[in-house]
Amino acid sequence: MTLILTLIAADRLDDSTLSRIRALLPQSGEPAWLSLGQAADIVFDGLTATEAELRVRAALGGHRIDLVAQRAEGRRKKLIVADMDSTMVVGETLDDLAAFAGLKDKIAAITARAMNGEIDFKAALRERVGLLAGLAETALDETYAHLKLMPGAKTLIATMRANGAHAVLVSGGFDFFTTRVRDLCGFHDDRANRLEIENGRLTGKVLDPILDRDSKLFYLRDFAEKLGLNISQTLAVGDGANDLDMIRAAGLGVAYQAKPVVAGEAKLRVDHGDLTALLYAQGYRRDEFVTG
């Protein structure tokens, strides 16, 4: 079965590196540039995708290059389901919100444990939000004012949408932020948790039902079914343990600058590049990118 190895460099991908990699792959063809000096495809046969990736990763050593081997057929996905915090946006919005209560370090420590899969997500969410009881609702606006998108976020969604894909933002965070990030990036839909707010202040409660890792997997499958897509036509991207089930299930599961428990399970792990790496992995050339 013919496969394609895609290489995506954070710095520079040169001809000598490509030649060295080609020598590791049986029955390999000439590299095809997706972006000169940055991303390239190499067709090969005679190894499984996993074998090829292991062989090339070992040879690359300290090079800042992300890679994925997969079948050429069906590379371009028709549904993307993306996490928000530390995936589409920089940082964790709940941790940033906690800064206005002087609790960022305390809450960030709980967040880190939850994202690493060390503690139950629902329990951790309730605990963190409980610490914010009494915080003024205006802190949400102030947190959003400082929010930054991940590099490549708008281009990823705009390019996939221009090529017929449906885009959904699914977050264990809060709809106050997802509705705004949805519109900012161009997602079709968003799903998230809801904070209880009374008299202009957070009550310290999250409204049921809580969106967790099971919910993320549900929405991946639900949107695929509604759109008449096979699960192989989907892409899921995230960074934390609550993203793991949808990443495992998707046709292309992506761990983006992810926790170790997630990075080891994903079909594609992006440790060095920005979110446009997900476009290169689908075979998009740089001149096909649509800027958001």
Protein backbone atom coordinates (compact mmCIF):
# COMPACT_ATOMS: atom_id res chain seq x y z
CA MET A 1 0.00 0.00 0.00
CA THR A 2 1.39 3.38 -1.02
CA LEU A 3 1.71 5.88 1.81
CA ILE A 4 2.77 9.51 2.14
CA LEU A 5 5.16 10.91 4.72
CA THR A 6 4.63 14.62 5.37
CA LEU A 7 7.45 16.61 6.95
CA ILE A 8 6.76 20.05 8.45
CA ALA A 9 9.71 22.09 9.67
CA ALA A 10 9.54 24.86 12.24
CA ASP A 11 12.82 26.25 10.92
CA ARG A 12 14.15 25.05 7.57
CA LEU A 13 13.69 21.85 5.59
CA ASP A 14 16.53 21.44 3.10
CA ASP A 15 17.29 19.09 0.23
CA SER A 16 20.00 17.23 2.15
CA THR A 17 17.58 16.39 4.97
CA LEU A 18 14.99 15.18 2.46
CA SER A 19 17.57 13.02 0.71
CA ARG A 20 18.61 11.47 4.01
CA ILE A 21 15.01 10.69 4.88
CA ARG A 22 14.29 9.24 1.44
CA ALA A 23 17.15 6.80 1.95
CA LEU A 24 15.33 5.44 4.99
CA LEU A 25 12.12 4.74 3.09
CA PRO A 26 11.82 1.86 0.61
CA GLN A 27 10.38 2.59 -2.82
CA SER A 28 10.26 6.32 -2.12
CA GLY A 29 9.50 8.91 -4.76
CA GLU A 30 10.85 12.41 -5.33
CA PRO A 31 9.79 14.85 -2.59
CA ALA A 32 6.92 17.17 -3.48
CA TRP A 33 7.12 20.58 -1.87
CA LEU A 34 3.98 21.82 -0.14
CA SER A 35 5.86 24.95 0.93
CA LEU A 36 9.43 25.45 -0.26
CA GLY A 37 11.85 24.95 2.60
CA GLN A 38 9.07 24.27 5.10
CA ALA A 39 6.86 21.30 4.23
CA ALA A 40 7.10 18.37 1.82
CA ASP A 41 5.49 15.04 0.95
CA ILE A 42 7.40 11.84 0.21
CA VAL A 43 5.54 8.87 -1.26
CA PHE A 44 6.82 5.45 -0.15
CA ASP A 45 5.91 1.78 0.07
CA GLY A 46 7.17 -1.28 1.91
CA LEU A 47 6.74 -0.01 5.48
CA THR A 48 3.71 0.63 7.65
CA ALA A 49 2.98 4.22 8.63
CA THR A 50 4.11 3.52 12.20
CA GLU A 51 7.35 1.89 11.08
CA ALA A 52 8.15 4.81 8.81
CA GLU A 53 7.47 7.38 11.49
CA LEU A 54 9.62 5.59 14.06
CA ARG A 55 12.49 5.22 11.61
CA VAL A 56 12.42 8.86 10.52
CA ARG A 57 11.95 10.29 14.02
CA ALA A 58 15.01 8.40 15.22
CA ALA A 59 17.07 9.75 12.32
CA LEU A 60 15.93 13.35 12.73
CA GLY A 61 17.16 13.56 16.30
CA GLY A 62 17.02 17.15 17.49
CA HIS A 63 15.62 18.63 14.28
CA ARG A 64 12.49 20.72 14.88
CA ILE A 65 10.38 18.82 12.36
CA ASP A 66 6.86 17.44 12.79
CA LEU A 67 5.83 14.47 10.67
CA VAL A 68 3.00 12.09 9.87
CA ALA A 69 2.72 9.04 7.61
CA GLN A 70 -0.69 8.09 6.23
CA ARG A 71 -2.61 6.92 3.20
CA ALA A 72 -2.92 9.51 0.46
CA GLU A 73 -6.57 8.71 -0.11
CA GLY A 74 -8.90 10.72 2.12
CA ARG A 75 -6.27 13.04 3.55
CA ARG A 76 -8.43 16.11 3.29
CA LYS A 77 -11.02 16.02 6.05
CA LYS A 78 -14.58 17.29 5.90
CA LEU A 79 -15.10 17.95 9.61
CA ILE A 80 -12.75 19.52 12.14
CA VAL A 81 -13.57 19.38 15.85
CA ALA A 82 -11.15 21.53 17.83
CA ASP A 83 -10.45 22.14 21.49
CA MET A 84 -10.14 25.80 22.48
CA ASP A 85 -7.79 26.35 25.43
CA SER A 86 -4.10 25.87 24.60
CA THR A 87 -5.16 24.70 21.13
CA MET A 88 -7.02 27.43 19.26
CA VAL A 89 -6.10 30.08 21.85
CA VAL A 90 -2.94 30.64 23.85
CA GLY A 91 -3.22 29.51 27.46
CA GLU A 92 -6.16 28.43 29.60
CA THR A 93 -9.02 30.91 29.85
CA LEU A 94 -10.11 29.64 33.28
CA ASP A 95 -6.59 30.12 34.65
CA ASP A 96 -6.48 33.63 33.17
CA LEU A 97 -9.89 34.41 34.67
CA ALA A 98 -8.61 33.22 38.04
CA ALA A 99 -5.90 35.89 37.93
CA PHE A 100 -8.60 38.50 38.65
CA ALA A 101 -9.32 36.69 41.91
CA GLY A 102 -5.63 36.38 42.79
CA LEU A 103 -5.88 32.61 42.39
CA LYS A 104 -4.17 31.93 39.06
CA ASP A 105 -1.33 29.79 40.43
CA LYS A 106 -3.63 27.72 42.63
CA ILE A 107 -6.18 27.09 39.88
CA ALA A 108 -3.52 26.56 37.19
CA ALA A 109 -2.04 23.75 39.27
CA ILE A 110 -5.42 21.98 39.32
CA THR A 111 -5.84 22.60 35.58
CA ALA A 112 -2.46 21.03 34.85
CA ARG A 113 -3.36 17.89 36.77
CA ALA A 114 -6.71 17.61 34.98
CA MET A 115 -5.13 18.09 31.54
CA ASN A 116 -2.56 15.43 32.36
CA GLY A 117 -5.36 13.01 33.25
CA GLU A 118 -4.30 12.79 36.89
CA ILE A 119 -7.68 13.82 38.32
CA ASP A 120 -11.31 13.66 37.17
CA PHE A 121 -12.14 16.52 34.79
CA LYS A 122 -15.65 17.22 36.10
CA ALA A 123 -14.54 17.29 39.72
CA ALA A 124 -11.58 19.51 38.86
CA LEU A 125 -13.80 21.92 36.92
CA ARG A 126 -16.27 22.24 39.79
CA GLU A 127 -13.43 22.77 42.25
CA ARG A 128 -11.78 25.49 40.17
CA VAL A 129 -15.01 27.36 39.44
CA GLY A 130 -16.03 27.07 43.10
CA LEU A 131 -12.95 29.06 44.06
CA LEU A 132 -14.18 31.93 41.88
CA ALA A 133 -17.48 32.45 43.72
CA GLY A 134 -18.18 36.17 44.02
CA LEU A 135 -15.91 37.24 41.17
CA ALA A 136 -17.41 40.10 39.16
CA GLU A 137 -18.84 39.15 35.75
CA THR A 138 -16.75 41.96 34.21
CA ALA A 139 -13.65 39.79 34.75
CA LEU A 140 -14.87 37.65 31.85
CA ASP A 141 -14.71 40.63 29.49
CA GLU A 142 -11.28 41.61 30.79
CA THR A 143 -10.01 38.05 30.30
CA TYR A 144 -11.31 37.95 26.74
CA ALA A 145 -9.71 41.33 25.99
CA HIS A 146 -6.29 39.77 26.62
CA LEU A 147 -6.99 36.52 24.77
CA LYS A 148 -4.66 35.62 21.87
CA LEU A 149 -5.29 33.15 19.08
CA MET A 150 -2.74 30.45 18.36
CA PRO A 151 -0.65 31.22 15.26
CA GLY A 152 -2.34 29.75 12.20
CA ALA A 153 -5.77 29.41 13.86
CA LYS A 154 -7.69 31.62 11.43
CA THR A 155 -5.89 30.21 8.39
CA LEU A 156 -6.60 26.62 9.43
CA ILE A 157 -10.33 27.18 9.73
CA ALA A 158 -10.66 29.51 6.73
CA THR A 159 -8.81 27.10 4.44
CA MET A 160 -10.78 24.04 5.52
CA ARG A 161 -14.07 25.92 5.22
CA ALA A 162 -13.14 27.15 1.74
CA ASN A 163 -12.67 23.51 0.76
CA GLY A 164 -16.05 22.38 2.07
CA ALA A 165 -15.25 21.34 5.63
CA HIS A 166 -17.48 21.96 8.65
CA ALA A 167 -15.73 23.43 11.73
CA VAL A 168 -16.81 22.93 15.35
CA LEU A 169 -15.20 24.35 18.50
CA VAL A 170 -15.76 21.99 21.46
CA SER A 171 -14.37 23.07 24.81
CA GLY A 172 -14.38 22.04 28.43
CA GLY A 173 -14.16 25.79 29.04
CA PHE A 174 -17.01 28.25 28.88
CA ASP A 175 -19.44 29.46 26.25
CA PHE A 176 -18.67 33.10 27.09
CA PHE A 177 -15.33 32.51 25.35
CA THR A 178 -16.23 29.87 22.76
CA THR A 179 -18.96 31.97 21.15
CA ARG A 180 -16.47 34.77 20.63
CA VAL A 181 -13.63 32.55 19.45
CA ARG A 182 -16.11 30.78 17.16
CA ASP A 183 -16.89 34.05 15.41
CA LEU A 184 -13.30 35.29 15.47
CA CYS A 185 -11.94 32.14 13.79
CA GLY A 186 -14.93 31.34 11.58
CA PHE A 187 -16.17 28.11 13.16
CA HIS A 188 -19.69 27.04 12.20
CA ASP A 189 -20.63 25.83 15.70
CA ASP A 190 -19.40 25.76 19.28
CA ARG A 191 -20.16 23.68 22.35
CA ALA A 192 -18.94 24.45 25.89
CA ASN A 193 -19.81 24.66 29.57
CA ARG A 194 -21.88 27.43 31.15
CA LEU A 195 -21.07 29.47 34.22
CA GLU A 196 -23.86 30.39 36.62
CA ILE A 197 -23.99 34.17 37.06
CA GLU A 198 -26.34 36.04 39.39
CA ASN A 199 -26.48 39.78 40.08
CA GLY A 200 -23.36 40.39 38.01
CA ARG A 201 -21.18 37.89 39.87
CA LEU A 202 -20.09 34.27 39.43
CA THR A 203 -21.85 31.99 41.88
CA GLY A 204 -19.05 29.41 41.82
CA LYS A 205 -21.20 26.87 40.00
CA VAL A 206 -21.10 25.30 36.54
CA LEU A 207 -24.49 24.57 35.04
CA ASP A 208 -25.25 20.96 34.17
CA PRO A 209 -24.60 19.05 32.02
CA ILE A 210 -20.82 19.42 32.17
CA LEU A 211 -19.03 18.98 28.86
CA ASP A 212 -16.13 16.53 29.41
CA ARG A 213 -14.06 14.05 27.39
CA ASP A 214 -17.10 11.83 26.74
CA SER A 215 -18.97 14.87 25.44
CA LYS A 216 -16.18 15.76 23.05
CA LEU A 217 -16.24 12.28 21.56
CA PHE A 218 -20.03 12.47 21.35
CA TYR A 219 -19.93 15.75 19.41
CA LEU A 220 -17.31 14.40 16.99
CA ARG A 221 -19.54 11.44 16.17
CA ASP A 222 -22.76 13.46 16.29
CA PHE A 223 -21.61 16.12 13.84
CA ALA A 224 -20.12 13.48 11.54
CA GLU A 225 -23.43 11.63 11.50
CA LYS A 226 -25.45 14.81 10.91
CA LEU A 227 -23.19 15.74 8.01
CA GLY A 228 -23.34 12.24 6.52
CA LEU A 229 -19.62 11.66 7.01
CA ASN A 230 -17.64 8.57 7.88
CA ILE A 231 -15.50 9.03 10.99
CA SER A 232 -12.44 8.61 8.75
CA GLN A 233 -13.35 11.97 7.17
CA THR A 234 -12.92 13.83 10.46
CA LEU A 235 -10.08 15.67 12.16
CA ALA A 236 -9.88 16.28 15.91
CA VAL A 237 -7.26 18.45 17.58
CA GLY A 238 -6.51 19.15 21.23
CA ASP A 239 -3.85 19.13 23.91
CA GLY A 240 -5.27 17.64 27.10
CA ALA A 241 -6.50 14.35 28.50
CA ASN A 242 -10.12 15.39 28.00
CA ASP A 243 -9.38 15.54 24.23
CA LEU A 244 -7.91 12.06 24.09
CA ASP A 245 -11.00 10.04 23.16
CA MET A 246 -11.97 12.26 20.23
CA ILE A 247 -8.35 12.34 19.04
CA ARG A 248 -8.20 8.55 19.08
CA ALA A 249 -11.50 8.24 17.21
CA ALA A 250 -10.97 10.81 14.45
CA GLY A 251 -9.68 9.99 10.99
CA LEU A 252 -6.79 12.34 11.75
CA GLY A 253 -6.26 12.86 15.47
CA VAL A 254 -3.86 15.68 16.28
CA ALA A 255 -2.05 16.38 19.54
CA TYR A 256 -1.14 20.06 19.37
CA GLN A 257 1.71 21.04 21.72
CA ALA A 258 0.09 18.45 23.91
CA LYS A 259 0.58 16.81 27.27
CA PRO A 260 2.63 13.56 27.09
CA VAL A 261 -0.42 11.36 27.75
CA VAL A 262 -2.02 12.81 24.60
CA ALA A 263 1.03 13.15 22.35
CA GLY A 264 1.75 9.45 22.57
CA GLU A 265 -1.72 8.50 21.34
CA ALA A 266 -2.30 10.85 18.39
CA LYS A 267 -1.83 10.07 14.71
CA LEU A 268 -0.13 13.46 14.32
CA ARG A 269 1.74 15.25 17.07
CA VAL A 270 2.62 18.87 16.38
CA ASP A 271 5.41 19.84 18.74
CA HIS A 272 7.13 22.54 16.68
CA GLY A 273 4.89 24.06 14.00
CA ASP A 274 1.84 26.27 14.25
CA LEU A 275 -1.73 25.24 13.39
CA THR A 276 -1.06 25.39 9.65
CA ALA A 277 0.77 22.09 10.19
CA LEU A 278 -2.69 20.52 10.16
CA LEU A 279 -3.19 21.83 6.63
CA TYR A 280 0.12 20.46 5.39
CA ALA A 281 -0.75 17.10 6.95
CA GLN A 282 -3.89 17.10 4.78
CA GLY A 283 -1.86 17.81 1.65
CA TYR A 284 -2.66 21.50 1.26
CA ARG A 285 0.01 23.55 -0.48
CA ARG A 286 0.98 26.95 0.88
CA ASP A 287 -0.51 28.68 -2.15
CA GLU A 288 -3.88 27.08 -1.31
CA PHE A 289 -4.04 28.63 2.16
CA VAL A 290 -6.87 31.07 2.81
CA THR A 291 -6.02 33.76 5.31
CA GLY A 292 -8.66 34.41 7.92
